[in-house]
Protein backbone atom coordinates (compact mmCIF):
# COMPACT_ATOMS: atom_id res chain seq x y z
CA MET A 1 134.38 62.34 36.03
CA GLU A 2 133.29 64.27 39.12
CA ALA A 3 135.56 67.03 40.36
CA LEU A 4 136.09 65.80 43.93
CA PRO A 5 137.58 62.36 43.06
CA LEU A 6 139.89 63.99 40.52
CA VAL A 7 141.06 66.56 43.06
CA GLY A 8 141.60 63.76 45.56
CA LEU A 9 143.62 61.77 43.03
CA ILE A 10 145.89 64.73 42.29
CA ALA A 11 146.33 65.58 45.98
CA VAL A 12 147.13 62.03 47.09
CA SER A 13 149.45 61.47 44.11
CA ALA A 14 151.36 64.64 44.91
CA ALA A 15 151.64 63.62 48.58
CA VAL A 16 153.02 60.18 47.67
CA ALA A 17 155.47 61.70 45.18
CA GLY A 18 156.62 64.16 47.84
CA ALA A 19 157.10 61.35 50.34
CA ALA A 20 159.11 59.40 47.76
CA ARG A 21 161.79 62.10 47.86
CA ARG A 22 162.59 61.02 51.41
CA THR A 23 163.05 57.38 50.42
CA PRO A 24 165.54 55.57 48.17
CA VAL A 25 162.63 54.38 45.99
CA PRO A 26 162.07 56.44 42.80
CA ALA A 27 158.76 58.30 42.82
CA PRO A 28 157.30 56.52 39.73
CA LEU A 29 157.65 53.14 41.42
CA LEU A 30 156.15 54.26 44.73
CA LEU A 31 153.22 55.88 42.92
CA VAL A 32 152.51 52.74 40.91
CA VAL A 33 152.61 50.57 44.03
CA ALA A 34 150.32 53.01 45.85
CA GLY A 35 147.91 52.92 42.94
CA LEU A 36 147.94 49.11 42.91
CA ALA A 37 147.12 49.02 46.60
CA ALA A 38 144.41 51.68 46.30
CA SER A 39 142.71 49.94 43.37
CA TYR A 40 141.16 47.40 45.75
CA VAL A 41 140.40 49.74 48.66
CA PRO A 42 136.62 50.01 49.16
CA GLY A 43 135.24 53.40 48.21
CA VAL A 44 138.08 54.37 45.84
CA PRO A 45 136.46 55.47 42.55
CA ASP A 46 137.22 53.72 39.26
CA PHE A 47 139.63 55.91 37.32
CA HIS A 48 139.50 54.80 33.69
CA LEU A 49 142.56 55.73 31.66
CA ASP A 50 140.94 57.59 28.78
CA PRO A 51 143.23 57.67 25.69
CA HIS A 52 141.35 60.74 24.43
CA ILE A 53 142.67 62.59 27.48
CA VAL A 54 146.12 61.04 27.96
CA LEU A 55 147.39 61.23 24.39
CA PRO A 56 146.38 64.81 23.45
CA LEU A 57 146.32 66.42 26.91
CA VAL A 58 148.89 64.65 29.12
CA LEU A 59 151.53 63.38 26.70
CA PRO A 60 152.32 66.74 24.95
CA PRO A 61 153.30 68.72 28.08
CA LEU A 62 155.39 65.84 29.46
CA LEU A 63 157.23 65.45 26.16
CA HIS A 64 157.61 69.22 25.86
CA LEU A 65 159.28 69.50 29.26
CA ALA A 66 161.50 66.46 28.64
CA ALA A 67 162.66 67.96 25.33
CA LEU A 68 163.22 71.40 26.88
CA ASP A 69 165.50 69.78 29.47
CA SER A 70 167.37 67.80 26.80
CA SER A 71 170.43 69.03 24.95
CA TYR A 72 170.02 69.47 21.21
CA LEU A 73 173.79 69.32 20.75
CA ASP A 74 174.12 66.11 22.78
CA LEU A 75 171.22 64.51 20.91
CA ARG A 76 172.74 65.49 17.57
CA ALA A 77 176.08 64.00 18.64
CA ASN A 78 174.31 60.74 19.53
CA ILE A 79 171.81 60.66 16.68
CA ARG A 80 172.85 57.18 15.49
CA PRO A 81 172.20 55.26 18.75
CA VAL A 82 169.10 57.36 19.44
CA ALA A 83 167.64 56.60 16.00
CA LEU A 84 168.47 52.91 16.28
CA LEU A 85 166.55 52.73 19.55
CA SER A 86 163.67 55.12 18.91
CA VAL A 87 162.86 53.82 15.42
CA GLY A 88 164.71 50.58 14.74
CA TYR A 89 164.15 48.99 18.12
CA VAL A 90 160.47 49.93 18.31
CA LEU A 91 159.73 48.38 14.91
CA PHE A 92 161.82 45.31 15.76
CA ALA A 93 160.10 44.91 19.14
CA THR A 94 156.67 45.29 17.52
CA VAL A 95 157.31 42.35 15.19
CA ALA A 96 159.43 40.21 17.53
CA VAL A 97 157.24 40.51 20.63
CA GLY A 98 154.11 40.21 18.50
CA CYS A 99 155.30 36.97 16.91
CA LEU A 100 156.38 35.53 20.28
CA ALA A 101 152.98 36.40 21.78
CA TYR A 102 151.31 34.74 18.77
CA LEU A 103 153.26 31.53 19.47
CA LEU A 104 152.67 31.73 23.23
CA VAL A 105 148.91 32.40 23.42
CA PRO A 106 146.64 29.81 21.80
CA ASP A 107 144.12 31.13 19.26
CA LEU A 108 145.57 34.66 19.37
CA PRO A 109 145.33 36.13 15.85
CA LEU A 110 148.63 37.33 14.41
CA ALA A 111 147.23 40.80 13.70
CA THR A 112 146.13 41.14 17.33
CA ALA A 113 149.54 39.92 18.49
CA LEU A 114 151.22 42.61 16.38
CA VAL A 115 148.87 45.20 17.90
CA LEU A 116 150.09 44.04 21.32
CA GLY A 117 153.70 44.27 20.13
CA ALA A 118 153.26 47.86 18.98
CA VAL A 119 151.48 48.82 22.21
CA ILE A 120 154.26 47.65 24.52
CA ALA A 121 157.21 48.50 22.26
CA PRO A 122 158.07 52.07 23.44
CA PRO A 123 159.86 52.67 26.76
CA ASP A 124 158.45 55.54 28.78
CA ALA A 125 159.97 59.02 28.65
CA VAL A 126 159.06 60.01 32.20
CA ALA A 127 160.21 56.81 33.91
CA ALA A 128 163.50 56.60 32.02
CA THR A 129 164.39 60.25 32.62
CA ALA A 130 163.39 60.26 36.30
CA ILE A 131 165.38 57.15 37.16
CA ALA A 132 168.41 58.06 35.02
CA ARG A 133 168.73 61.47 36.65
CA ARG A 134 168.24 60.17 40.15
CA LEU A 135 170.93 57.53 39.65
CA GLY A 136 173.40 60.02 38.19
CA LEU A 137 174.12 57.92 35.11
CA PRO A 138 176.92 59.01 32.78
CA GLY A 139 175.89 61.83 30.47
CA ARG A 140 175.98 59.83 27.22
CA ILE A 141 173.78 57.02 28.57
CA THR A 142 171.28 59.55 29.94
CA THR A 143 171.21 61.40 26.60
CA ILE A 144 170.58 58.17 24.68
CA LEU A 145 167.74 57.13 27.00
CA GLN A 146 166.20 60.60 26.84
CA GLY A 147 166.50 60.80 23.07
CA GLU A 148 164.97 57.36 22.63
CA SER A 149 162.00 58.13 24.83
CA LEU A 150 161.32 61.44 23.07
CA VAL A 151 160.84 59.91 19.63
CA ASN A 152 159.81 56.28 20.17
CA ASP A 153 156.18 57.13 20.98
CA ALA A 154 155.73 58.48 17.46
CA THR A 155 157.12 55.26 15.97
CA ALA A 156 154.98 53.07 18.21
CA ILE A 157 151.75 55.00 17.57
CA THR A 158 152.28 54.75 13.82
CA ALA A 159 153.08 51.03 14.01
CA PHE A 160 150.00 50.57 16.18
CA LYS A 161 147.74 52.27 13.62
CA VAL A 162 149.04 50.01 10.85
CA ALA A 163 148.66 46.82 12.91
CA LEU A 164 145.23 47.91 14.15
CA ALA A 165 143.99 48.52 10.59
CA ALA A 166 144.91 44.93 9.74
CA ALA A 167 143.34 43.58 12.93
CA ILE A 168 139.96 45.26 12.45
CA GLY A 169 139.84 44.36 8.77
CA ALA A 170 140.23 47.86 7.42
CA GLY A 171 142.68 46.53 4.86
CA THR A 172 146.25 47.70 4.67
CA SER A 173 149.42 46.68 2.90
CA TRP A 174 153.13 47.08 3.57
CA GLY A 175 153.11 49.96 1.11
CA ASP A 176 150.26 51.66 2.96
CA GLY A 177 152.11 51.16 6.25
CA LEU A 178 155.33 52.67 4.92
CA ALA A 179 153.40 55.60 3.46
CA GLU A 180 151.66 56.26 6.76
CA PHE A 181 154.95 56.03 8.64
CA ALA A 182 156.58 58.49 6.21
CA LEU A 183 153.65 60.90 6.50
CA ALA A 184 153.69 60.74 10.29
CA SER A 185 157.45 61.22 10.66
CA VAL A 186 158.16 63.72 7.89
CA GLY A 187 154.91 65.58 8.52
CA GLY A 188 155.51 65.77 12.28
CA VAL A 189 159.02 67.13 11.83
CA GLY A 190 157.75 69.52 9.15
CA VAL A 191 155.02 70.93 11.38
CA GLY A 192 157.54 71.37 14.18
CA LEU A 193 159.96 73.19 11.88
CA ALA A 194 157.17 75.44 10.63
CA LEU A 195 156.04 76.39 14.13
CA MET A 196 159.28 76.71 16.06
CA VAL A 197 160.56 80.03 14.64
CA PRO A 198 157.29 82.04 14.87
CA ILE A 199 156.61 80.69 18.35
CA HIS A 200 160.12 81.65 19.47
CA TRP A 201 159.70 85.11 17.94
CA LEU A 202 156.44 85.56 19.82
CA ARG A 203 158.06 84.47 23.09
CA LYS A 204 160.82 87.04 22.64
CA HIS A 205 158.44 89.90 21.91
CA LEU A 206 155.69 89.30 24.48
CA LYS A 207 156.30 91.55 27.48
CA GLU A 208 153.21 90.78 29.56
CA ALA A 209 154.04 88.11 32.16
CA LEU A 210 150.56 86.62 32.15
CA LEU A 211 150.56 86.22 28.35
CA GLN A 212 154.05 84.73 28.42
CA ASN A 213 152.98 81.99 30.81
CA ILE A 214 149.78 81.27 28.89
CA LEU A 215 151.75 80.92 25.63
CA SER A 216 154.28 78.65 27.33
CA LEU A 217 151.53 76.31 28.52
CA LEU A 218 149.79 76.31 25.13
CA ILE A 219 152.88 75.56 23.00
CA PRO A 220 152.88 71.73 23.33
CA PHE A 221 149.14 71.51 22.68
CA ILE A 222 149.37 73.81 19.66
CA ALA A 223 152.19 71.76 18.14
CA TYR A 224 150.48 68.43 18.85
CA ALA A 225 147.06 69.49 17.57
CA ALA A 226 148.47 71.14 14.43
CA ALA A 227 150.37 67.99 13.46
CA GLU A 228 147.49 65.64 14.23
CA GLN A 229 145.19 67.84 12.16
CA VAL A 230 147.18 66.93 9.02
CA HIS A 231 147.55 63.27 10.13
CA ALA A 232 151.21 63.76 11.06
CA SER A 233 152.95 62.84 14.31
CA GLY A 234 152.02 65.26 17.09
CA VAL A 235 154.76 63.72 19.23
CA LEU A 236 157.50 64.67 16.78
CA ALA A 237 156.08 68.16 16.30
CA VAL A 238 156.14 68.76 20.07
CA VAL A 239 159.71 67.45 20.40
CA VAL A 240 161.06 69.51 17.48
CA VAL A 241 159.51 72.74 18.78
CA ALA A 242 160.67 72.12 22.36
CA LEU A 243 164.24 71.25 21.34
CA TYR A 244 164.47 74.51 19.36
CA LEU A 245 163.00 76.61 22.17
CA GLY A 246 165.28 74.99 24.74
CA HIS A 247 168.35 75.51 22.58
CA HIS A 248 167.51 79.22 22.13
CA SER A 249 166.13 79.90 25.61
CA TYR A 250 169.01 82.32 26.30
CA GLN A 251 167.38 84.76 23.85
CA VAL A 252 164.27 85.08 26.00
CA ASP A 253 163.90 87.65 28.76
CA PHE A 254 165.28 86.45 32.11
CA ALA A 255 161.95 87.02 33.85
CA THR A 256 160.23 84.76 31.32
CA ARG A 257 162.76 81.99 31.97
CA LEU A 258 162.28 82.26 35.74
CA GLN A 259 158.50 82.20 35.49
CA GLU A 260 158.38 79.35 33.00
CA GLU A 261 160.73 77.25 35.07
CA ALA A 262 158.49 77.56 38.13
CA VAL A 263 155.28 76.93 36.17
CA TRP A 264 156.60 73.90 34.29
CA LYS A 265 158.08 72.33 37.42
CA MET A 266 154.64 72.45 39.01
CA VAL A 267 152.86 71.15 35.91
CA ALA A 268 155.34 68.30 35.45
CA PHE A 269 155.16 67.31 39.11
CA VAL A 270 151.36 67.14 39.08
CA LEU A 271 151.10 65.31 35.75
CA GLU A 272 153.86 62.79 36.43
CA SER A 273 152.51 62.01 39.90
CA THR A 274 148.94 61.58 38.66
CA VAL A 275 149.92 59.50 35.62
CA PHE A 276 151.90 56.90 37.55
CA ALA A 277 149.20 56.64 40.21
CA LEU A 278 146.65 56.11 37.41
CA ILE A 279 148.72 53.21 36.06
CA GLY A 280 148.41 51.35 39.34
CA LEU A 281 144.72 52.19 39.68
CA GLN A 282 143.92 50.31 36.46
CA LEU A 283 144.51 46.90 38.09
CA ALA A 284 140.95 46.26 39.24
CA ILE A 285 139.52 47.52 35.94
CA VAL A 286 141.79 45.37 33.76
CA VAL A 287 141.34 42.21 35.83
CA GLY A 288 137.58 42.71 35.96
CA GLU A 289 137.40 42.86 32.16
CA LEU A 290 139.40 39.70 31.43
CA GLY A 291 136.22 37.91 30.38
CA ASP A 292 136.78 34.36 29.14
CA TYR A 293 140.44 34.32 30.14
CA GLY A 294 141.17 33.13 33.66
CA VAL A 295 143.47 35.15 35.90
CA GLY A 296 145.87 32.24 36.45
CA GLU A 297 146.10 31.47 32.74
CA SER A 298 146.54 35.13 31.89
CA LEU A 299 149.34 35.50 34.44
CA TRP A 300 151.29 32.73 32.68
CA TYR A 301 150.90 34.58 29.40
CA ALA A 302 151.90 37.81 31.14
CA ALA A 303 155.11 36.27 32.47
CA GLY A 304 155.97 35.01 28.99
CA VAL A 305 155.32 38.40 27.37
CA PHE A 306 157.33 40.21 30.05
CA ILE A 307 160.31 37.91 29.48
CA ALA A 308 159.96 38.38 25.72
CA VAL A 309 159.98 42.18 26.11
CA VAL A 310 163.13 42.09 28.25
CA VAL A 311 164.99 39.59 26.05
CA VAL A 312 164.04 41.26 22.74
CA ARG A 313 165.46 44.58 23.96
CA PHE A 314 168.84 42.98 24.68
CA VAL A 315 168.72 41.12 21.37
CA TRP A 316 168.50 44.52 19.68
CA VAL A 317 170.67 46.68 21.95
CA TYR A 318 173.90 44.68 21.90
CA PRO A 319 174.17 44.24 18.08
CA ALA A 320 173.02 47.86 17.56
CA THR A 321 175.83 49.00 19.89
CA PHE A 322 178.73 46.97 18.55
CA LEU A 323 177.98 46.01 14.92
CA PRO A 324 178.09 49.58 13.53
CA ARG A 325 181.40 50.14 15.32
CA MET A 326 182.80 46.93 13.84
CA LEU A 327 181.66 47.80 10.33
CA SER A 328 182.49 51.51 10.23
CA ARG A 329 185.85 53.08 10.96
CA ARG A 330 184.22 56.51 10.93
CA ILE A 331 181.90 55.55 13.78
CA ARG A 332 184.85 54.21 15.78
CA GLU A 333 186.68 57.51 15.31
CA ARG A 334 183.74 59.81 16.04
CA GLU A 335 182.12 58.03 18.99
CA PRO A 336 183.72 57.24 22.36
CA GLU A 337 184.77 53.73 23.25
CA THR A 338 182.23 51.57 25.04
CA ASN A 339 182.15 48.16 26.70
CA TRP A 340 179.49 45.60 27.52
CA THR A 341 178.25 47.44 30.63
CA ALA A 342 176.74 50.47 28.86
CA PRO A 343 174.36 48.46 26.61
CA LEU A 344 173.49 46.33 29.63
CA ILE A 345 172.27 49.45 31.45
CA VAL A 346 170.46 50.75 28.35
CA GLY A 347 168.83 47.34 27.83
CA TRP A 348 167.68 47.05 31.43
CA ALA A 349 166.37 50.65 31.52
CA GLY A 350 163.49 49.93 29.13
CA MET A 351 160.62 50.67 31.50
CA ARG A 352 157.19 50.99 29.92
CA GLY A 353 154.62 53.55 31.01
CA VAL A 354 151.36 55.36 30.54
CA VAL A 355 151.62 55.73 26.75
CA SER A 356 151.43 51.96 26.31
CA LEU A 357 148.32 51.76 28.49
CA ALA A 358 146.68 54.72 26.76
CA ILE A 359 147.27 53.17 23.33
CA ALA A 360 145.91 49.83 24.55
CA PHE A 361 142.73 51.41 25.90
CA SER A 362 142.18 53.05 22.50
CA ILE A 363 141.71 49.65 20.83
CA PRO A 364 138.10 49.58 19.56
CA LEU A 365 135.58 47.15 21.01
CA THR A 366 134.60 45.78 17.61
CA THR A 367 136.10 45.16 14.18
CA SER A 368 134.85 46.72 10.95
CA SER A 369 132.50 43.74 10.52
CA GLY A 370 130.83 44.40 13.87
CA GLU A 371 132.37 41.43 15.68
CA ASP A 372 134.14 41.75 19.01
CA PHE A 373 137.79 42.72 18.68
CA PRO A 374 139.65 39.43 19.18
CA ALA A 375 141.30 39.08 22.62
CA ARG A 376 141.01 42.80 23.38
CA ASN A 377 140.69 42.19 27.12
CA LEU A 378 143.77 39.97 27.13
CA VAL A 379 145.78 42.62 25.26
CA LEU A 380 144.81 45.17 27.92
CA PHE A 381 145.84 42.77 30.69
CA LEU A 382 149.16 41.88 29.07
CA THR A 383 149.92 45.55 28.48
CA PHE A 384 149.15 46.37 32.10
CA THR A 385 151.28 43.55 33.51
CA THR A 386 154.17 44.44 31.20
CA VAL A 387 154.08 48.07 32.29
CA ILE A 388 153.93 47.12 35.97
CA GLY A 389 156.57 44.40 35.55
CA THR A 390 159.10 46.67 33.86
CA LEU A 391 158.52 49.55 36.28
CA VAL A 392 158.77 47.41 39.39
CA VAL A 393 161.28 44.71 38.41
CA GLN A 394 163.62 46.79 36.27
CA GLY A 395 163.05 50.06 38.10
CA LEU A 396 163.80 48.56 41.53
CA THR A 397 166.84 46.57 40.42
CA LEU A 398 168.43 49.17 38.15
CA PRO A 399 170.20 51.04 41.02
CA SER A 400 171.66 47.78 42.34
CA LEU A 401 172.76 46.77 38.86
CA ILE A 402 174.56 50.09 38.37
CA ARG A 403 176.29 49.77 41.73
CA ALA A 404 177.28 46.17 41.00
CA LEU A 405 178.74 47.14 37.63
CA LYS A 406 180.53 50.12 39.22
CA ILE A 407 179.29 52.41 36.46
CA PRO A 408 181.05 55.76 36.98
CA GLY A 409 178.60 58.58 37.49
CA ARG A 410 179.02 62.22 36.63
CA ASP A 411 182.40 63.67 37.54
CA VAL A 412 181.25 66.47 39.83
CA GLN A 413 184.78 67.80 40.34
CA ALA A 414 185.41 68.00 36.59
CA GLU A 415 182.02 69.65 36.00
CA THR A 416 182.71 72.23 38.71
CA LEU A 417 186.13 72.95 37.21
CA ALA A 418 184.58 73.42 33.75
CA GLU A 419 181.95 75.72 35.29
CA ALA A 420 184.65 77.76 37.03
CA GLN A 421 186.66 78.14 33.84
CA ALA A 422 183.59 79.20 31.88
CA GLN A 423 182.65 81.71 34.58
CA SER A 424 186.20 83.07 34.60
CA GLN A 425 186.10 83.72 30.86
CA ALA A 426 182.67 85.33 31.09
CA SER A 427 183.74 87.52 34.02
CA ALA A 428 186.80 88.69 32.11
CA ALA A 429 184.58 89.72 29.21
CA ALA A 430 182.16 91.46 31.58
CA GLU A 431 185.07 93.31 33.22
CA ARG A 432 186.33 94.57 29.86
CA ARG A 433 182.82 95.69 28.94
CA LEU A 434 182.45 97.49 32.29
CA GLU A 435 185.65 99.43 31.73
CA GLU A 436 184.49 100.41 28.24
CA LEU A 437 181.17 101.65 29.60
CA LEU A 438 182.72 103.58 32.49
CA ALA A 439 185.12 105.31 30.10
CA ASP A 440 182.06 107.05 28.58
CA GLU A 441 181.21 110.26 30.41
CA GLY A 442 177.52 109.41 30.03
CA ASN A 443 177.99 106.32 32.23
CA ARG A 444 179.97 107.92 35.06
CA LEU A 445 179.00 106.69 38.51
CA PRO A 446 180.04 107.66 42.03
CA GLU A 447 183.01 105.64 43.22
CA PRO A 448 180.99 103.49 45.71
CA LEU A 449 178.60 102.38 42.95
CA GLU A 450 181.46 101.60 40.57
CA GLN A 451 183.07 99.52 43.29
CA ARG A 452 179.80 97.69 43.90
CA LEU A 453 179.68 96.61 40.25
CA ARG A 454 183.25 95.35 40.48
CA THR A 455 182.53 93.57 43.76
CA VAL A 456 179.53 91.74 42.29
CA LEU A 457 181.63 90.72 39.31
CA GLU A 458 184.46 89.47 41.52
CA ARG A 459 181.99 87.59 43.72
CA ARG A 460 180.57 85.80 40.68
CA ARG A 461 184.05 84.97 39.41
CA ASN A 462 185.24 83.50 42.72
CA SER A 463 182.11 81.66 43.84
CA VAL A 464 182.65 78.56 41.69
CA TRP A 465 186.37 78.35 42.42
CA GLU A 466 185.57 78.42 46.14
CA ARG A 467 183.52 75.24 45.75
CA LEU A 468 186.73 73.52 44.66
CA GLY A 469 188.67 74.80 47.64
CA SER A 470 188.92 73.74 51.28
CA VAL A 471 185.97 73.62 53.65
CA ASN A 472 185.38 75.10 57.08
CA GLU A 473 186.49 72.57 59.70
CA THR A 474 183.67 73.57 62.04
CA THR A 475 180.70 73.64 59.66
CA GLY A 476 181.95 71.55 56.74
CA GLU A 477 180.97 74.39 54.38
CA SER A 478 182.99 76.01 51.66
CA ALA A 479 183.44 79.77 51.81
CA ASP A 480 180.81 80.07 49.08
CA ASP A 481 178.33 77.98 51.10
CA THR A 482 178.90 80.14 54.16
CA TYR A 483 178.44 83.31 52.09
CA ARG A 484 175.06 82.14 50.79
CA ARG A 485 173.90 81.02 54.23
CA LEU A 486 174.78 84.38 55.76
CA ALA A 487 173.11 86.18 52.86
CA ARG A 488 169.89 84.25 53.53
CA GLU A 489 170.06 85.12 57.23
CA MET A 490 170.43 88.79 56.36
CA ILE A 491 167.46 88.61 53.98
CA ALA A 492 165.38 86.93 56.69
CA ALA A 493 166.23 89.74 59.11
CA GLU A 494 165.16 92.36 56.57
CA ARG A 495 161.95 90.46 55.90
CA ASP A 496 161.06 90.43 59.60
CA VAL A 497 161.50 94.20 59.77
CA PHE A 498 159.29 94.80 56.73
CA VAL A 499 156.52 92.62 58.20
CA ASP A 500 156.77 94.40 61.55
CA LEU A 501 156.52 97.78 59.83
CA ARG A 502 153.41 96.62 58.00
CA ASN A 503 151.87 95.30 61.20
CA ARG A 504 152.51 98.66 62.87
CA ARG A 505 150.88 100.42 59.87
CA VAL A 506 154.09 102.26 58.98
CA ILE A 507 153.85 100.84 55.47
CA ASP A 508 150.85 99.32 53.72
CA ASP A 509 150.44 95.85 52.22
CA GLU A 510 151.17 97.02 48.69
CA MET A 511 154.53 98.40 49.81
CA LEU A 512 155.21 95.21 51.75
CA ARG A 513 154.61 93.05 48.68
CA LYS A 514 156.95 95.24 46.62
CA LEU A 515 159.73 95.00 49.22
CA LEU A 516 159.26 91.26 49.76
CA ARG A 517 159.38 90.59 46.03
CA ARG A 518 162.76 92.30 45.85
CA LEU A 519 164.04 90.10 48.68
CA ASP A 520 162.46 87.00 47.12
CA LEU A 521 164.32 87.58 43.85
CA GLU A 522 167.63 87.90 45.72
CA GLU A 523 166.95 84.74 47.74
CA ALA A 524 165.86 82.85 44.63
CA ALA A 525 169.12 83.78 42.92
CA ALA A 526 171.09 82.48 45.90
CA TYR A 527 169.03 79.29 45.99
CA ARG A 528 169.57 78.60 42.28
CA GLU A 529 173.32 78.96 42.75
CA GLU A 530 173.18 76.56 45.69
CA THR A 531 171.17 73.87 43.88
CA ALA A 532 172.78 74.18 40.44
């Protein structure tokens, strides 16, 4: 691909994603719709979704970031529902949707139908996470959706390989399939476990900022490639490593955390924007390659497959939610109560995404005998329409469904209270430590500097409590909000003076950059407190 069209794709995708933040429509949906519209605009290049690029180069960093932002403790607490969805549901959907497609489409071989089932079985990590966070879903539902989308790609890719081997005539049995699944899952987890500790050690001991950022960007690709090299699941290796690094991120130098956060936010924004735009841009390519199947006929099949995908998810989700609770007293005691609304949300949040399309495009053109792969073009079309259908239909209606069901969101007041209590305990410990240090003659400070340390500590202790208090009747701000606003105004005034001194050649540019960096760090700290 030429450089200019690729740069244009990234730039336009980022612009659309940025515009989406000013609308009630989630960015993934707006990007897909924009891609659909652009696919028929004259002069827009054909952007083929290459599985050799998406799977090893796009999927690892997106999974890595999603796992870093997930909670290992929350996932462990919800391991049963996550496993039932990420493994059980994917295998069930592969067989159920495949068999329904086999009955729906005349002359569609069963092996090809199962390939289709495996391709469209896994919900998308990026779409599920983006929409769940934007809607402010309850923490447990968000954790379950995140956990499912982190692991289900590994299950689907393995199921796809087994079904594909049967479809192309490579010869495989149930025993071979189970062995491959075991190798992929156990091997992927094993590679992740082997890599996570040395990588974390290296992150803690690297002091050069440039090397720290390079290592951070390489980690998902290293984990994915290492696992795939031994025919294990690269997806699981990436997730295991990222969960460990995220859980132990407090052990890394603060500067590394700040830098990595900024770098990964940029990488994720660019990749997510480009990926969803690419989904929409496949329309003209997929329709143009339908071959013997007419568009009208294929649309009827697409509607049937879409309905099957939606129904099959509910057929699995409701029994998987309530049957274990009915059969096990231990589960009832350990897990919180639930009603019919939570599985309804989980069932309706099964949007498909770029992984399904990438897997579909990796289907070979011919079988092992040299014949054309049966109904390959139709499988691509049905995958595309299912992805678009779930993103648009379910993605657009999910907010309304949540509002109609009156699903309670996150309790901001309770979270702020918990934050304040945690900060109070930490500040008390810091105060005791400060007194211990100041009691040592080697740590004596002038009284103004001692008081500054105590003032900073008191400011940190009170800032969260102030968010729970009354607001200014004139501005509508809490005292903490006003403090941060005034601090930013003071920093801006200092910055203007530094720039003026540079312009008058009182200080040089190197000194200006040093002074501005100090102010930038202070402003960044205030901004993080404000947006936390």
